[in-house]
Amino acid sequence: MSHWVVLSIAMASACAVVLAIVVFNNRRIGEDDDPSETPDVLEYMTMMIGVVYAIVLGLAIAGVWEGRSAAQESVRQEAQALHEVDVRVEVWPAAVRERIRSDVRAYVTQVTGPEWRSMAERGELTGKGAELLERVRRSVSDYEPATDHEGEAYQPLVDQVAAVDDARASRAGNAGSTMPGVVWFGLIIGALVTVGLIFTLQIRRTFRELLLAGLFSALIAFLLFLIWALDAPFGLGISATREPFELLFPAVAR
């Protein structure tokens, strides 16, 4: 199911539930009820709880966005380091050059294909990807330069392979969910409490009050969806992309 469909269902459901409760409560209110009797302290508590929950939501959104940005940066660094290996190996003999480039292409194909799906579905990398990266490392480190010109390219190539390994490790660390379960528990309970408190203000069935109640509940649902969509940086929501690999290796990363 598309995450946009999930968002639409969540927002519509939140609005429907809140509006249904408002309408049901108004049917039970007697003719002599005075909505101005809501205690001032209750309005103050409702406002403060809403402010505190807004701060918590803001921190949660900032946290998951930072995690997604870090994940995207690790993908960019990995793709760029592999591209440097692919380019810098030009000064080595044709047989060695083609072997290393073949290993790089095989690794990119694995990362942007099966490994990317594994990160999205299970939040983990594949063993095959690690094997292919080790093959790239061996192809580079095992070659003995025959000339000074080839020797000048050796250490930079080794450093770039190390950069790929470091970026891969960072990508592995960002592959899973970034929000602990206890935080999700607090966010959901906080949403229920915050939305539930609006009923203490004696909302009537006027169009303006129903509209505001529906928009408020839809906003809470949207913010929770946004956190969920960003929670797994390589998941199926608003996730990090393979664009750096597709730009630098267009022949094998699509």
C-alpha atoms as a PDB file:
ATOM      1  CA  MET A   1       0.000   0.000   0.000  1.00  0.00           C
ATOM      2  CA  SER A   2       1.329   3.448  -0.951  1.00  0.00           C
ATOM      3  CA  HIS A   3       2.383   5.643   1.952  1.00  0.00           C
ATOM      4  CA  TRP A   4       0.210   8.416   0.494  1.00  0.00           C
ATOM      5  CA  VAL A   5      -2.789   6.120   0.757  1.00  0.00           C
ATOM      6  CA  VAL A   6      -1.849   5.409   4.367  1.00  0.00           C
ATOM      7  CA  LEU A   7      -1.643   9.155   5.033  1.00  0.00           C
ATOM      8  CA  SER A   8      -5.049   9.776   3.478  1.00  0.00           C
ATOM      9  CA  ILE A   9      -6.651   6.974   5.481  1.00  0.00           C
ATOM     10  CA  ALA A  10      -5.029   8.140   8.731  1.00  0.00           C
ATOM     11  CA  MET A  11      -6.108  11.760   8.317  1.00  0.00           C
ATOM     12  CA  ALA A  12      -9.629  10.838   7.214  1.00  0.00           C
ATOM     13  CA  SER A  13     -10.008   8.374  10.082  1.00  0.00           C
ATOM     14  CA  ALA A  14      -8.811  10.905  12.656  1.00  0.00           C
ATOM     15  CA  CYS A  15     -11.268  13.508  11.365  1.00  0.00           C
ATOM     16  CA  ALA A  16     -14.143  11.033  11.245  1.00  0.00           C
ATOM     17  CA  VAL A  17     -13.564   9.779  14.790  1.00  0.00           C
ATOM     18  CA  VAL A  18     -13.280  13.256  16.305  1.00  0.00           C
ATOM     19  CA  LEU A  19     -16.305  14.627  14.460  1.00  0.00           C
ATOM     20  CA  ALA A  20     -18.390  11.573  15.339  1.00  0.00           C
ATOM     21  CA  ILE A  21     -17.563  11.989  19.024  1.00  0.00           C
ATOM     22  CA  VAL A  22     -18.408  15.702  18.890  1.00  0.00           C
ATOM     23  CA  VAL A  23     -21.775  15.039  17.257  1.00  0.00           C
ATOM     24  CA  PHE A  24     -22.563  12.198  19.687  1.00  0.00           C
ATOM     25  CA  ASN A  25     -21.680  14.305  22.720  1.00  0.00           C
ATOM     26  CA  ASN A  26     -23.813  17.184  21.544  1.00  0.00           C
ATOM     27  CA  ARG A  27     -26.845  14.911  21.334  1.00  0.00           C
ATOM     28  CA  ARG A  28     -26.424  14.112  25.007  1.00  0.00           C
ATOM     29  CA  ILE A  29     -26.095  17.738  26.141  1.00  0.00           C
ATOM     30  CA  GLY A  30     -29.204  19.251  27.643  1.00  0.00           C
ATOM     31  CA  GLU A  31     -30.827  22.505  26.508  1.00  0.00           C
ATOM     32  CA  ASP A  32     -29.793  24.270  29.723  1.00  0.00           C
ATOM     33  CA  ASP A  33     -26.055  23.569  29.225  1.00  0.00           C
ATOM     34  CA  ASP A  34     -23.859  26.691  29.148  1.00  0.00           C
ATOM     35  CA  PRO A  35     -20.577  26.283  27.161  1.00  0.00           C
ATOM     36  CA  SER A  36     -19.118  29.344  28.886  1.00  0.00           C
ATOM     37  CA  GLU A  37     -18.928  27.374  32.139  1.00  0.00           C
ATOM     38  CA  THR A  38     -15.631  25.691  31.127  1.00  0.00           C
ATOM     39  CA  PRO A  39     -13.226  26.466  34.012  1.00  0.00           C
ATOM     40  CA  ASP A  40     -10.322  28.754  33.151  1.00  0.00           C
ATOM     41  CA  VAL A  41      -7.845  26.344  34.725  1.00  0.00           C
ATOM     42  CA  LEU A  42      -9.052  23.611  32.338  1.00  0.00           C
ATOM     43  CA  GLU A  43      -8.383  25.816  29.337  1.00  0.00           C
ATOM     44  CA  TYR A  44      -4.922  26.620  30.704  1.00  0.00           C
ATOM     45  CA  MET A  45      -4.093  22.936  31.246  1.00  0.00           C
ATOM     46  CA  THR A  46      -5.316  22.043  27.761  1.00  0.00           C
ATOM     47  CA  MET A  47      -3.139  24.757  26.250  1.00  0.00           C
ATOM     48  CA  MET A  48      -0.048  23.708  28.216  1.00  0.00           C
ATOM     49  CA  ILE A  49      -0.443  20.026  27.335  1.00  0.00           C
ATOM     50  CA  GLY A  50      -0.809  21.004  23.676  1.00  0.00           C
ATOM     51  CA  VAL A  51       2.358  23.116  23.835  1.00  0.00           C
ATOM     52  CA  VAL A  52       4.362  20.337  25.503  1.00  0.00           C
ATOM     53  CA  TYR A  53       3.158  17.784  22.953  1.00  0.00           C
ATOM     54  CA  ALA A  54       4.005  20.161  20.097  1.00  0.00           C
ATOM     55  CA  ILE A  55       7.566  20.419  21.421  1.00  0.00           C
ATOM     56  CA  VAL A  56       7.823  16.616  21.642  1.00  0.00           C
ATOM     57  CA  LEU A  57       6.531  16.256  18.079  1.00  0.00           C
ATOM     58  CA  GLY A  58       9.019  18.851  16.860  1.00  0.00           C
ATOM     59  CA  LEU A  59      11.927  17.060  18.508  1.00  0.00           C
ATOM     60  CA  ALA A  60      10.800  13.711  17.096  1.00  0.00           C
ATOM     61  CA  ILE A  61      10.509  15.115  13.568  1.00  0.00           C
ATOM     62  CA  ALA A  62      13.930  16.771  13.869  1.00  0.00           C
ATOM     63  CA  GLY A  63      15.440  13.483  15.089  1.00  0.00           C
ATOM     64  CA  VAL A  64      14.097  11.316  12.271  1.00  0.00           C
ATOM     65  CA  TRP A  65      14.943  13.961   9.660  1.00  0.00           C
ATOM     66  CA  GLU A  66      18.508  14.099  10.928  1.00  0.00           C
ATOM     67  CA  GLY A  67      18.687  10.310  10.675  1.00  0.00           C
ATOM     68  CA  ARG A  68      17.433  10.395   7.094  1.00  0.00           C
ATOM     69  CA  SER A  69      19.910  13.135   6.174  1.00  0.00           C
ATOM     70  CA  ALA A  70      22.778  11.126   7.692  1.00  0.00           C
ATOM     71  CA  ALA A  71      21.682   8.058   5.748  1.00  0.00           C
ATOM     72  CA  GLN A  72      21.545  10.001   2.475  1.00  0.00           C
ATOM     73  CA  GLU A  73      24.978  11.469   3.142  1.00  0.00           C
ATOM     74  CA  SER A  74      26.444   8.000   3.730  1.00  0.00           C
ATOM     75  CA  VAL A  75      25.026   6.885   0.363  1.00  0.00           C
ATOM     76  CA  ARG A  76      26.577   9.929  -1.334  1.00  0.00           C
ATOM     77  CA  GLN A  77      29.978   9.324   0.244  1.00  0.00           C
ATOM     78  CA  GLU A  78      29.921   5.646  -0.693  1.00  0.00           C
ATOM     79  CA  ALA A  79      28.979   6.339  -4.303  1.00  0.00           C
ATOM     80  CA  GLN A  80      31.564   9.112  -4.615  1.00  0.00           C
ATOM     81  CA  ALA A  81      34.372   6.939  -3.192  1.00  0.00           C
ATOM     82  CA  LEU A  82      33.489   4.114  -5.589  1.00  0.00           C
ATOM     83  CA  HIS A  83      33.480   6.579  -8.468  1.00  0.00           C
ATOM     84  CA  GLU A  84      36.955   7.751  -7.462  1.00  0.00           C
ATOM     85  CA  VAL A  85      38.170   4.144  -7.522  1.00  0.00           C
ATOM     86  CA  ASP A  86      36.613   3.676 -10.946  1.00  0.00           C
ATOM     87  CA  VAL A  87      38.331   6.805 -12.305  1.00  0.00           C
ATOM     88  CA  ARG A  88      41.721   6.682 -10.577  1.00  0.00           C
ATOM     89  CA  VAL A  89      42.390   3.095 -11.676  1.00  0.00           C
ATOM     90  CA  GLU A  90      42.774   4.397 -15.237  1.00  0.00           C
ATOM     91  CA  VAL A  91      46.573   4.620 -14.839  1.00  0.00           C
ATOM     92  CA  TRP A  92      46.935   0.890 -14.121  1.00  0.00           C
ATOM     93  CA  PRO A  93      47.281  -1.840 -16.776  1.00  0.00           C
ATOM     94  CA  ALA A  94      44.181  -2.660 -18.798  1.00  0.00           C
ATOM     95  CA  ALA A  95      43.693  -6.145 -17.321  1.00  0.00           C
ATOM     96  CA  VAL A  96      43.920  -4.896 -13.742  1.00  0.00           C
ATOM     97  CA  ARG A  97      41.812  -1.849 -14.543  1.00  0.00           C
ATOM     98  CA  GLU A  98      38.999  -3.871 -16.085  1.00  0.00           C
ATOM     99  CA  ARG A  99      38.989  -6.381 -13.226  1.00  0.00           C
ATOM    100  CA  ILE A 100      38.652  -3.652 -10.601  1.00  0.00           C
ATOM    101  CA  ARG A 101      35.969  -1.828 -12.555  1.00  0.00           C
ATOM    102  CA  SER A 102      34.085  -5.078 -13.000  1.00  0.00           C
ATOM    103  CA  ASP A 103      34.217  -5.656  -9.241  1.00  0.00           C
ATOM    104  CA  VAL A 104      33.010  -2.101  -8.608  1.00  0.00           C
ATOM    105  CA  ARG A 105      30.089  -2.538 -11.015  1.00  0.00           C
ATOM    106  CA  ALA A 106      29.132  -5.824  -9.380  1.00  0.00           C
ATOM    107  CA  TYR A 107      29.156  -4.160  -5.960  1.00  0.00           C
ATOM    108  CA  VAL A 108      27.043  -1.218  -7.151  1.00  0.00           C
ATOM    109  CA  THR A 109      24.535  -3.603  -8.737  1.00  0.00           C
ATOM    110  CA  GLN A 110      24.244  -5.507  -5.462  1.00  0.00           C
ATOM    111  CA  VAL A 111      23.862  -2.353  -3.345  1.00  0.00           C
ATOM    112  CA  THR A 112      21.234  -0.695  -5.534  1.00  0.00           C
ATOM    113  CA  GLY A 113      19.330  -3.933  -6.090  1.00  0.00           C
ATOM    114  CA  PRO A 114      19.023  -6.771  -3.547  1.00  0.00           C
ATOM    115  CA  GLU A 115      20.756  -4.894  -0.720  1.00  0.00           C
ATOM    116  CA  TRP A 116      18.543  -1.829  -1.086  1.00  0.00           C
ATOM    117  CA  ARG A 117      15.443  -4.023  -0.907  1.00  0.00           C
ATOM    118  CA  SER A 118      16.870  -5.781   2.140  1.00  0.00           C
ATOM    119  CA  MET A 119      17.354  -2.439   3.897  1.00  0.00           C
ATOM    120  CA  ALA A 120      13.798  -1.376   3.065  1.00  0.00           C
ATOM    121  CA  GLU A 121      12.161  -4.631   4.133  1.00  0.00           C
ATOM    122  CA  ARG A 122      14.376  -5.890   6.975  1.00  0.00           C
ATOM    123  CA  GLY A 123      16.539  -2.925   7.913  1.00  0.00           C
ATOM    124  CA  GLU A 124      19.817  -4.760   7.331  1.00  0.00           C
ATOM    125  CA  LEU A 125      22.575  -5.161   4.754  1.00  0.00           C
ATOM    126  CA  THR A 126      23.383  -8.342   2.845  1.00  0.00           C
ATOM    127  CA  GLY A 127      26.373 -10.611   3.242  1.00  0.00           C
ATOM    128  CA  LYS A 128      26.789 -10.644  -0.533  1.00  0.00           C
ATOM    129  CA  GLY A 129      27.485  -6.916  -0.512  1.00  0.00           C
ATOM    130  CA  ALA A 130      30.240  -7.363   2.068  1.00  0.00           C
ATOM    131  CA  GLU A 131      31.791 -10.122  -0.051  1.00  0.00           C
ATOM    132  CA  LEU A 132      31.788  -7.969  -3.172  1.00  0.00           C
ATOM    133  CA  LEU A 133      33.361  -5.047  -1.334  1.00  0.00           C
ATOM    134  CA  GLU A 134      36.070  -7.344  -0.032  1.00  0.00           C
ATOM    135  CA  ARG A 135      36.699  -8.419  -3.610  1.00  0.00           C
ATOM    136  CA  VAL A 136      37.178  -4.784  -4.605  1.00  0.00           C
ATOM    137  CA  ARG A 137      39.559  -4.298  -1.700  1.00  0.00           C
ATOM    138  CA  ARG A 138      41.621  -7.344  -2.676  1.00  0.00           C
ATOM    139  CA  SER A 139      41.752  -6.329  -6.327  1.00  0.00           C
ATOM    140  CA  VAL A 140      43.180  -2.948  -5.358  1.00  0.00           C
ATOM    141  CA  SER A 141      45.506  -3.911  -2.495  1.00  0.00           C
ATOM    142  CA  ASP A 142      46.974  -7.031  -4.157  1.00  0.00           C
ATOM    143  CA  TYR A 143      48.297  -5.184  -7.187  1.00  0.00           C
ATOM    144  CA  GLU A 144      51.978  -4.230  -7.102  1.00  0.00           C
ATOM    145  CA  PRO A 145      52.626  -1.037  -9.098  1.00  0.00           C
ATOM    146  CA  ALA A 146      55.248  -1.491 -11.798  1.00  0.00           C
ATOM    147  CA  THR A 147      56.125   2.186 -12.273  1.00  0.00           C
ATOM    148  CA  ASP A 148      56.317   5.310 -10.153  1.00  0.00           C
ATOM    149  CA  HIS A 149      53.263   6.715 -11.925  1.00  0.00           C
ATOM    150  CA  GLU A 150      51.225   3.636 -10.990  1.00  0.00           C
ATOM    151  CA  GLY A 151      52.631   3.794  -7.462  1.00  0.00           C
ATOM    152  CA  GLU A 152      51.381   7.350  -7.024  1.00  0.00           C
ATOM    153  CA  ALA A 153      47.814   6.120  -7.586  1.00  0.00           C
ATOM    154  CA  TYR A 154      48.090   3.126  -5.250  1.00  0.00           C
ATOM    155  CA  GLN A 155      47.649   4.790  -1.844  1.00  0.00           C
ATOM    156  CA  PRO A 156      44.797   7.105  -2.947  1.00  0.00           C
ATOM    157  CA  LEU A 157      42.964   4.055  -4.314  1.00  0.00           C
ATOM    158  CA  VAL A 158      43.451   2.171  -1.035  1.00  0.00           C
ATOM    159  CA  ASP A 159      42.155   5.233   0.846  1.00  0.00           C
ATOM    160  CA  GLN A 160      39.070   5.433  -1.365  1.00  0.00           C
ATOM    161  CA  VAL A 161      38.261   1.761  -0.757  1.00  0.00           C
ATOM    162  CA  ALA A 162      38.582   2.435   2.976  1.00  0.00           C
ATOM    163  CA  ALA A 163      36.179   5.377   2.529  1.00  0.00           C
ATOM    164  CA  VAL A 164      33.684   3.036   0.831  1.00  0.00           C
ATOM    165  CA  ASP A 165      33.944   0.629   3.761  1.00  0.00           C
ATOM    166  CA  ASP A 166      33.416   3.450   6.261  1.00  0.00           C
ATOM    167  CA  ALA A 167      30.391   4.784   4.374  1.00  0.00           C
ATOM    168  CA  ARG A 168      28.969   1.267   4.148  1.00  0.00           C
ATOM    169  CA  ALA A 169      29.301   0.874   7.919  1.00  0.00           C
ATOM    170  CA  SER A 170      27.495   4.187   8.383  1.00  0.00           C
ATOM    171  CA  ARG A 171      24.758   3.056   6.017  1.00  0.00           C
ATOM    172  CA  ALA A 172      24.379  -0.156   8.014  1.00  0.00           C
ATOM    173  CA  GLY A 173      23.980   1.866  11.200  1.00  0.00           C
ATOM    174  CA  ASN A 174      21.213   3.940   9.622  1.00  0.00           C
ATOM    175  CA  ALA A 175      19.388   1.074   7.929  1.00  0.00           C
ATOM    176  CA  GLY A 176      16.994   0.270  10.767  1.00  0.00           C
ATOM    177  CA  SER A 177      14.365   2.260  12.619  1.00  0.00           C
ATOM    178  CA  THR A 178      15.639   5.325  14.468  1.00  0.00           C
ATOM    179  CA  MET A 179      12.719   5.741  16.907  1.00  0.00           C
ATOM    180  CA  PRO A 180      12.602   3.417  19.957  1.00  0.00           C
ATOM    181  CA  GLY A 181       9.314   1.718  20.732  1.00  0.00           C
ATOM    182  CA  VAL A 182       8.894   3.616  23.998  1.00  0.00           C
ATOM    183  CA  VAL A 183       9.033   6.911  22.073  1.00  0.00           C
ATOM    184  CA  TRP A 184       6.302   5.717  19.730  1.00  0.00           C
ATOM    185  CA  PHE A 185       4.230   4.752  22.773  1.00  0.00           C
ATOM    186  CA  GLY A 186       4.612   8.261  24.163  1.00  0.00           C
ATOM    187  CA  LEU A 187       3.775   9.897  20.833  1.00  0.00           C
ATOM    188  CA  ILE A 188       0.591   7.882  20.346  1.00  0.00           C
ATOM    189  CA  ILE A 189      -0.600   8.287  23.939  1.00  0.00           C
ATOM    190  CA  GLY A 190       0.216  11.991  23.750  1.00  0.00           C
ATOM    191  CA  ALA A 191      -1.808  12.308  20.540  1.00  0.00           C
ATOM    192  CA  LEU A 192      -4.822  10.615  22.140  1.00  0.00           C
ATOM    193  CA  VAL A 193      -4.594  12.815  25.224  1.00  0.00           C
ATOM    194  CA  THR A 194      -4.117  16.011  23.213  1.00  0.00           C
ATOM    195  CA  VAL A 195      -7.010  15.299  20.859  1.00  0.00           C
ATOM    196  CA  GLY A 196      -9.162  14.036  23.725  1.00  0.00           C
ATOM    197  CA  LEU A 197      -8.694  17.242  25.698  1.00  0.00           C
ATOM    198  CA  ILE A 198     -10.417  19.311  23.036  1.00  0.00           C
ATOM    199  CA  PHE A 199     -13.685  17.668  24.098  1.00  0.00           C
ATOM    200  CA  THR A 200     -13.347  19.240  27.537  1.00  0.00           C
ATOM    201  CA  LEU A 201     -13.879  22.654  25.926  1.00  0.00           C
ATOM    202  CA  GLN A 202     -17.526  21.857  25.134  1.00  0.00           C
ATOM    203  CA  ILE A 203     -17.310  22.008  21.349  1.00  0.00           C
ATOM    204  CA  ARG A 204     -20.657  22.643  19.665  1.00  0.00           C
ATOM    205  CA  ARG A 205     -21.944  21.441  16.318  1.00  0.00           C
ATOM    206  CA  THR A 206     -21.364  24.735  14.519  1.00  0.00           C
ATOM    207  CA  PHE A 207     -19.496  24.546  11.224  1.00  0.00           C
ATOM    208  CA  ARG A 208     -16.577  26.600  12.550  1.00  0.00           C
ATOM    209  CA  GLU A 209     -16.029  24.419  15.613  1.00  0.00           C
ATOM    210  CA  LEU A 210     -16.398  21.160  13.704  1.00  0.00           C
ATOM    211  CA  LEU A 211     -13.979  22.400  11.020  1.00  0.00           C
ATOM    212  CA  LEU A 212     -11.341  23.363  13.580  1.00  0.00           C
ATOM    213  CA  ALA A 213     -11.727  20.068  15.459  1.00  0.00           C
ATOM    214  CA  GLY A 214     -11.357  18.104  12.224  1.00  0.00           C
ATOM    215  CA  LEU A 215      -8.330  20.102  11.051  1.00  0.00           C
ATOM    216  CA  PHE A 216      -6.640  19.744  14.439  1.00  0.00           C
ATOM    217  CA  SER A 217      -7.052  15.971  14.494  1.00  0.00           C
ATOM    218  CA  ALA A 218      -5.927  15.715  10.846  1.00  0.00           C
ATOM    219  CA  LEU A 219      -2.802  17.757  11.663  1.00  0.00           C
ATOM    220  CA  ILE A 220      -1.877  15.422  14.517  1.00  0.00           C
ATOM    221  CA  ALA A 221      -2.385  12.410  12.216  1.00  0.00           C
ATOM    222  CA  PHE A 222      -0.230  14.019   9.514  1.00  0.00           C
ATOM    223  CA  LEU A 223       2.640  14.763  11.922  1.00  0.00           C
ATOM    224  CA  LEU A 224       2.601  11.206  13.256  1.00  0.00           C
ATOM    225  CA  PHE A 225       2.597   9.901   9.690  1.00  0.00           C
ATOM    226  CA  LEU A 226       5.542  12.163   8.859  1.00  0.00           C
ATOM    227  CA  ILE A 227       7.535  10.718  11.755  1.00  0.00           C
ATOM    228  CA  TRP A 228       6.620   7.181  10.680  1.00  0.00           C
ATOM    229  CA  ALA A 229       7.587   7.856   7.054  1.00  0.00           C
ATOM    230  CA  LEU A 230      10.991   9.263   8.071  1.00  0.00           C
ATOM    231  CA  ASP A 231      11.630   6.757  10.854  1.00  0.00           C
ATOM    232  CA  ALA A 232      13.332   4.126   8.652  1.00  0.00           C
ATOM    233  CA  PRO A 233      15.769   6.077   6.415  1.00  0.00           C
ATOM    234  CA  PHE A 234      15.796   3.298   3.798  1.00  0.00           C
ATOM    235  CA  GLY A 235      12.198   2.191   4.307  1.00  0.00           C
ATOM    236  CA  LEU A 236       9.190   2.575   2.062  1.00  0.00           C
ATOM    237  CA  GLY A 237       8.190   6.071   3.176  1.00  0.00           C
ATOM    238  CA  ILE A 238      10.088   9.322   2.605  1.00  0.00           C
ATOM    239  CA  SER A 239      13.360   7.446   2.425  1.00  0.00           C
ATOM    240  CA  ALA A 240      16.912   8.077   1.286  1.00  0.00           C
ATOM    241  CA  THR A 241      17.382   7.489  -2.431  1.00  0.00           C
ATOM    242  CA  ARG A 242      19.860   5.737  -4.710  1.00  0.00           C
ATOM    243  CA  GLU A 243      20.324   8.922  -6.725  1.00  0.00           C
ATOM    244  CA  PRO A 244      24.105   9.272  -6.049  1.00  0.00           C
ATOM    245  CA  PHE A 245      24.707   5.767  -7.442  1.00  0.00           C
ATOM    246  CA  GLU A 246      22.388   6.428 -10.382  1.00  0.00           C
ATOM    247  CA  LEU A 247      24.218   9.644 -11.251  1.00  0.00           C
ATOM    248  CA  LEU A 248      27.739   8.228 -10.995  1.00  0.00           C
ATOM    249  CA  PHE A 249      27.004   4.711 -12.316  1.00  0.00           C
ATOM    250  CA  PRO A 250      24.064   5.181 -14.681  1.00  0.00           C
ATOM    251  CA  ALA A 251      24.755   1.969 -16.581  1.00  0.00           C
ATOM    252  CA  VAL A 252      24.444  -0.379 -13.593  1.00  0.00           C
ATOM    253  CA  ALA A 253      22.469   1.430 -10.860  1.00  0.00           C
ATOM    254  CA  ARG A 254      19.059   1.657 -12.552  1.00  0.00           C
END
